[in-house]
Amino acid sequence: MPEQPPPAGFPPLRKTGVLLFLLCLFALALAGGTLYLVFHDLPLIQQAIAETVAQSVKELQEGGSASVSLTHVNAGGTAPFTMDGSLFYLCTAGLVICWLMLVYRLAQNAEAVKKGALRCTPLLCVFSFFLPVGNIWMPLQAMLDINKALSSPGPSRGKGWIWTAWAVSVPGSLLVFLYTLCQPLASFFQTFRAWAEEDPGNAFALDRELEALMNGMVRPVIMYNGMAFIACLLVSVLMMLHFHSLQRRLAVR
């Protein structure tokens, strides 16, 4: 059934359906690309690391340079999305553009429904995602204000989606990223200090530990952060679907 026109005197709401549809398509493409990286390219990257360190050890045995060089690795095996990289980055750009346009239109609609509902202008709601330090809480504040305005009259609905999207995308993703970097580094430096006391010239053992360090960092960083990225996409899209549902209710009220 076609949507009923809004009642007389009700402020017009900017349509967001097309932007939301494109956002979902880009999110699906990025989620698929991330899964491809995790399950297809990760073993190739780990194999390339092993080949790099093996070549380094061979050079040491032959009396060559003792430095670990990445120049011996086959570029075709180490570059994820070698052929599809342009599509992946285009999808990323498309998702960001659709997201920012949706935020801007939602903020305009919130202002049209309830004057003074936002603590910042619609344009600042968009720029808040790029403000250093401010992007930790200002986008959350803007989304809560939009949700409150679009839920009126009546209590705010769907605040849980907004808080979940913020928790997954800001503190959650940051903690996952820090853990996947710091845990293998801490293990490596603990071993390195023990070697320094025992034999500072133990280059062969250092190369072997470098391989363990690289693999220990690459696998968790790609896998855990990839899963966190997909979770962030999911809850963010669900939050936008919630806003779209609120707008539809307002339009037919």
Protein backbone atom coordinates (compact mmCIF):
# COMPACT_ATOMS: atom_id res chain seq x y z
CA MET A 1 0.00 0.00 0.00
CA PRO A 2 1.30 3.48 -0.78
CA GLU A 3 2.34 5.66 2.13
CA GLN A 4 -0.32 8.08 3.33
CA PRO A 5 0.61 11.75 3.03
CA PRO A 6 1.47 13.50 6.28
CA PRO A 7 -1.35 15.48 7.91
CA ALA A 8 -1.76 19.18 7.21
CA GLY A 9 0.62 21.34 9.19
CA PHE A 10 3.04 18.46 9.76
CA PRO A 11 6.58 19.41 8.68
CA PRO A 12 7.78 17.55 5.56
CA LEU A 13 10.39 14.88 6.22
CA ARG A 14 13.25 14.30 3.82
CA LYS A 15 13.17 10.79 2.36
CA THR A 16 16.01 8.50 3.40
CA GLY A 17 14.94 5.18 1.86
CA VAL A 18 17.30 5.26 -1.14
CA LEU A 19 20.28 6.24 1.00
CA LEU A 20 19.45 3.50 3.49
CA PHE A 21 19.17 0.93 0.69
CA LEU A 22 22.60 1.93 -0.68
CA LEU A 23 24.06 1.89 2.82
CA CYS A 24 22.86 -1.72 3.28
CA LEU A 25 24.36 -2.74 -0.08
CA PHE A 26 27.74 -1.18 0.73
CA ALA A 27 27.70 -2.73 4.21
CA LEU A 28 27.01 -6.19 2.73
CA ALA A 29 29.84 -5.73 0.22
CA LEU A 30 32.28 -4.67 2.94
CA ALA A 31 31.22 -7.52 5.23
CA GLY A 32 31.77 -9.97 2.36
CA GLY A 33 35.17 -8.45 1.59
CA THR A 34 36.18 -8.67 5.25
CA LEU A 35 35.19 -12.35 5.42
CA TYR A 36 37.16 -12.96 2.20
CA LEU A 37 40.23 -11.40 3.82
CA VAL A 38 39.85 -13.41 7.03
CA PHE A 39 39.23 -16.82 5.49
CA HIS A 40 41.03 -16.59 2.13
CA ASP A 41 43.89 -14.09 2.36
CA LEU A 42 44.98 -14.64 5.97
CA PRO A 43 46.63 -18.04 5.28
CA LEU A 44 48.42 -16.51 2.26
CA ILE A 45 49.72 -13.64 4.40
CA GLN A 46 50.98 -16.03 7.07
CA GLN A 47 52.69 -18.14 4.41
CA ALA A 48 54.36 -15.03 3.02
CA ILE A 49 55.64 -14.14 6.49
CA ALA A 50 57.11 -17.62 6.91
CA GLU A 51 58.82 -17.34 3.49
CA THR A 52 60.21 -13.92 4.39
CA VAL A 53 61.77 -15.11 7.64
CA ALA A 54 63.07 -18.32 5.99
CA GLN A 55 64.81 -16.20 3.34
CA SER A 56 66.29 -14.02 6.08
CA VAL A 57 67.67 -17.05 7.92
CA LYS A 58 69.13 -18.40 4.68
CA GLU A 59 70.94 -15.08 4.08
CA LEU A 60 72.38 -15.25 7.58
CA GLN A 61 73.63 -18.78 7.01
CA GLU A 62 75.26 -17.70 3.76
CA GLY A 63 76.94 -14.75 5.46
CA GLY A 64 74.67 -12.09 3.99
CA SER A 65 72.73 -9.32 5.67
CA ALA A 66 71.18 -10.20 9.01
CA SER A 67 68.23 -7.87 8.53
CA VAL A 68 64.73 -9.19 7.94
CA SER A 69 63.74 -8.06 4.46
CA LEU A 70 60.27 -8.06 2.96
CA THR A 71 61.58 -7.62 -0.56
CA HIS A 72 61.78 -11.37 -1.17
CA VAL A 73 58.09 -11.98 -0.65
CA ASN A 74 55.88 -12.56 -3.65
CA ALA A 75 53.71 -9.46 -3.85
CA GLY A 76 50.82 -11.38 -5.37
CA GLY A 77 50.57 -13.54 -2.25
CA THR A 78 50.78 -10.78 0.34
CA ALA A 79 48.49 -8.07 -0.96
CA PRO A 80 44.90 -8.73 0.11
CA PHE A 81 42.34 -7.59 -2.44
CA THR A 82 45.06 -7.28 -5.11
CA MET A 83 42.47 -7.52 -7.87
CA ASP A 84 39.41 -6.38 -5.95
CA GLY A 85 41.03 -3.66 -3.86
CA SER A 86 39.54 -0.82 -5.88
CA LEU A 87 36.03 -2.22 -5.38
CA PHE A 88 36.63 -2.63 -1.66
CA TYR A 89 37.77 0.97 -1.23
CA LEU A 90 34.99 2.28 -3.46
CA CYS A 91 32.46 0.47 -1.27
CA THR A 92 34.09 2.00 1.79
CA ALA A 93 33.83 5.49 0.29
CA GLY A 94 30.21 4.85 -0.75
CA LEU A 95 29.27 3.64 2.72
CA VAL A 96 30.86 6.68 4.39
CA ILE A 97 29.11 9.09 2.01
CA CYS A 98 25.72 7.40 2.46
CA TRP A 99 26.19 7.32 6.22
CA LEU A 100 27.00 11.03 6.46
CA MET A 101 24.13 11.99 4.15
CA LEU A 102 21.75 9.87 6.23
CA VAL A 103 22.92 11.52 9.44
CA TYR A 104 22.44 14.96 7.89
CA ARG A 105 18.93 14.21 6.64
CA LEU A 106 17.93 12.54 9.89
CA ALA A 107 19.15 15.58 11.82
CA GLN A 108 17.15 17.87 9.50
CA ASN A 109 14.07 15.73 10.02
CA ALA A 110 14.56 15.77 13.80
CA GLU A 111 14.75 19.58 13.73
CA ALA A 112 11.62 19.74 11.56
CA VAL A 113 9.67 17.53 13.97
CA LYS A 114 10.87 19.21 17.16
CA LYS A 115 12.59 22.57 17.05
CA GLY A 116 15.61 22.80 19.30
CA ALA A 117 15.73 19.03 19.82
CA LEU A 118 19.39 18.82 18.76
CA ARG A 119 22.22 20.16 20.84
CA CYS A 120 24.13 20.92 17.62
CA THR A 121 23.25 21.81 14.04
CA PRO A 122 22.68 19.09 11.40
CA LEU A 123 25.98 20.03 9.77
CA LEU A 124 27.83 19.70 13.07
CA CYS A 125 26.22 16.28 13.57
CA VAL A 126 28.05 15.21 10.40
CA PHE A 127 31.36 16.89 11.28
CA SER A 128 31.26 15.39 14.78
CA PHE A 129 32.43 12.07 13.31
CA PHE A 130 35.73 13.71 12.27
CA LEU A 131 36.45 15.90 15.32
CA PRO A 132 39.47 14.63 17.29
CA VAL A 133 38.44 13.50 20.79
CA GLY A 134 34.94 14.92 20.20
CA ASN A 135 34.14 11.99 17.90
CA ILE A 136 34.21 9.74 20.97
CA TRP A 137 30.92 11.09 22.36
CA MET A 138 29.49 13.77 20.03
CA PRO A 139 28.07 11.33 17.41
CA LEU A 140 26.46 9.35 20.23
CA GLN A 141 24.94 12.57 21.59
CA ALA A 142 23.64 13.50 18.14
CA MET A 143 22.08 10.06 17.57
CA LEU A 144 20.35 10.14 20.97
CA ASP A 145 18.96 13.62 20.20
CA ILE A 146 17.68 12.47 16.79
CA ASN A 147 16.11 9.40 18.37
CA LYS A 148 14.37 11.48 21.03
CA ALA A 149 12.97 13.94 18.48
CA LEU A 150 11.75 11.27 16.05
CA SER A 151 10.14 9.31 18.92
CA SER A 152 8.01 12.29 20.00
CA PRO A 153 5.37 12.51 21.19
CA GLY A 154 6.04 9.75 23.66
CA PRO A 155 9.06 8.08 25.24
CA SER A 156 12.26 7.54 23.25
CA ARG A 157 12.44 4.15 21.57
CA GLY A 158 15.44 2.18 20.43
CA LYS A 159 18.07 3.84 22.60
CA GLY A 160 19.56 0.38 23.10
CA TRP A 161 20.53 0.18 19.40
CA ILE A 162 22.31 3.53 19.64
CA TRP A 163 24.24 2.64 22.78
CA THR A 164 25.13 -0.78 21.33
CA ALA A 165 26.37 0.76 18.06
CA TRP A 166 28.50 3.23 20.02
CA ALA A 167 29.87 0.56 22.38
CA VAL A 168 30.86 -1.78 19.52
CA SER A 169 32.30 0.90 17.26
CA VAL A 170 34.20 3.05 19.79
CA PRO A 171 35.37 1.40 23.05
CA GLY A 172 34.78 -2.16 21.83
CA SER A 173 36.77 -1.85 18.60
CA LEU A 174 39.51 0.14 20.33
CA LEU A 175 39.96 -2.48 23.06
CA VAL A 176 40.07 -5.31 20.50
CA PHE A 177 42.66 -3.42 18.43
CA LEU A 178 44.87 -2.62 21.43
CA TYR A 179 44.72 -6.19 22.72
CA THR A 180 45.65 -7.74 19.36
CA LEU A 181 48.66 -5.42 19.12
CA CYS A 182 49.90 -5.35 22.71
CA GLN A 183 49.58 -9.02 23.65
CA PRO A 184 52.04 -10.44 21.03
CA LEU A 185 54.36 -7.44 21.46
CA ALA A 186 54.54 -8.01 25.21
CA SER A 187 55.34 -11.69 24.65
CA PHE A 188 58.04 -10.83 22.09
CA PHE A 189 59.80 -8.23 24.23
CA GLN A 190 59.77 -10.56 27.22
CA THR A 191 61.59 -13.19 25.14
CA PHE A 192 63.90 -10.55 23.64
CA ARG A 193 65.01 -9.32 27.07
CA ALA A 194 65.83 -12.88 28.09
CA TRP A 195 67.96 -13.28 24.95
CA ALA A 196 69.75 -9.99 25.55
CA GLU A 197 70.89 -11.24 28.95
CA GLU A 198 71.84 -14.65 27.60
CA ASP A 199 73.39 -13.94 24.16
CA PRO A 200 72.93 -10.53 22.43
CA GLY A 201 74.13 -11.98 19.11
CA ASN A 202 71.56 -14.75 18.81
CA ALA A 203 70.22 -13.60 15.44
CA PHE A 204 68.86 -16.96 14.34
CA ALA A 205 66.63 -17.31 17.38
CA LEU A 206 65.55 -13.69 16.92
CA ASP A 207 64.45 -14.41 13.36
CA ARG A 208 62.41 -17.37 14.50
CA GLU A 209 60.76 -15.29 17.20
CA LEU A 210 60.09 -12.52 14.69
CA GLU A 211 58.12 -15.01 12.62
CA ALA A 212 56.09 -15.96 15.70
CA LEU A 213 55.58 -12.28 16.50
CA MET A 214 54.40 -11.37 13.00
CA ASN A 215 52.04 -14.33 12.81
CA GLY A 216 50.88 -13.67 16.35
CA MET A 217 50.03 -10.09 15.40
CA VAL A 218 48.68 -10.63 11.89
CA ARG A 219 46.17 -13.38 12.68
CA PRO A 220 44.45 -11.69 15.67
CA VAL A 221 44.57 -8.22 14.10
CA ILE A 222 42.91 -9.39 10.90
CA MET A 223 40.52 -11.92 12.43
CA TYR A 224 39.38 -10.18 15.62
CA ASN A 225 39.30 -6.69 14.15
CA GLY A 226 37.56 -8.04 11.05
CA MET A 227 34.84 -9.58 13.20
CA ALA A 228 34.56 -6.36 15.23
CA PHE A 229 34.21 -4.41 11.99
CA ILE A 230 31.39 -6.67 10.78
CA ALA A 231 29.63 -6.37 14.16
CA CYS A 232 29.96 -2.57 13.95
CA LEU A 233 28.44 -2.57 10.45
CA LEU A 234 25.56 -4.74 11.62
CA VAL A 235 24.51 -2.69 14.65
CA SER A 236 25.01 0.60 12.78
CA VAL A 237 22.75 -0.50 9.92
CA LEU A 238 20.16 -1.75 12.42
CA MET A 239 20.28 1.65 14.12
CA MET A 240 19.61 3.39 10.80
CA LEU A 241 16.73 0.99 10.09
CA HIS A 242 15.31 1.94 13.47
CA PHE A 243 15.45 5.64 12.57
CA HIS A 244 13.80 4.94 9.23
CA SER A 245 11.02 3.06 11.03
CA LEU A 246 10.46 6.02 13.36
CA GLN A 247 10.19 8.37 10.37
CA ARG A 248 7.63 6.15 8.66
CA ARG A 249 5.50 6.15 11.80
CA LEU A 250 5.65 9.94 11.93
CA ALA A 251 4.74 10.26 8.24
CA VAL A 252 1.58 8.14 8.55
CA ARG A 253 0.50 9.45 11.93
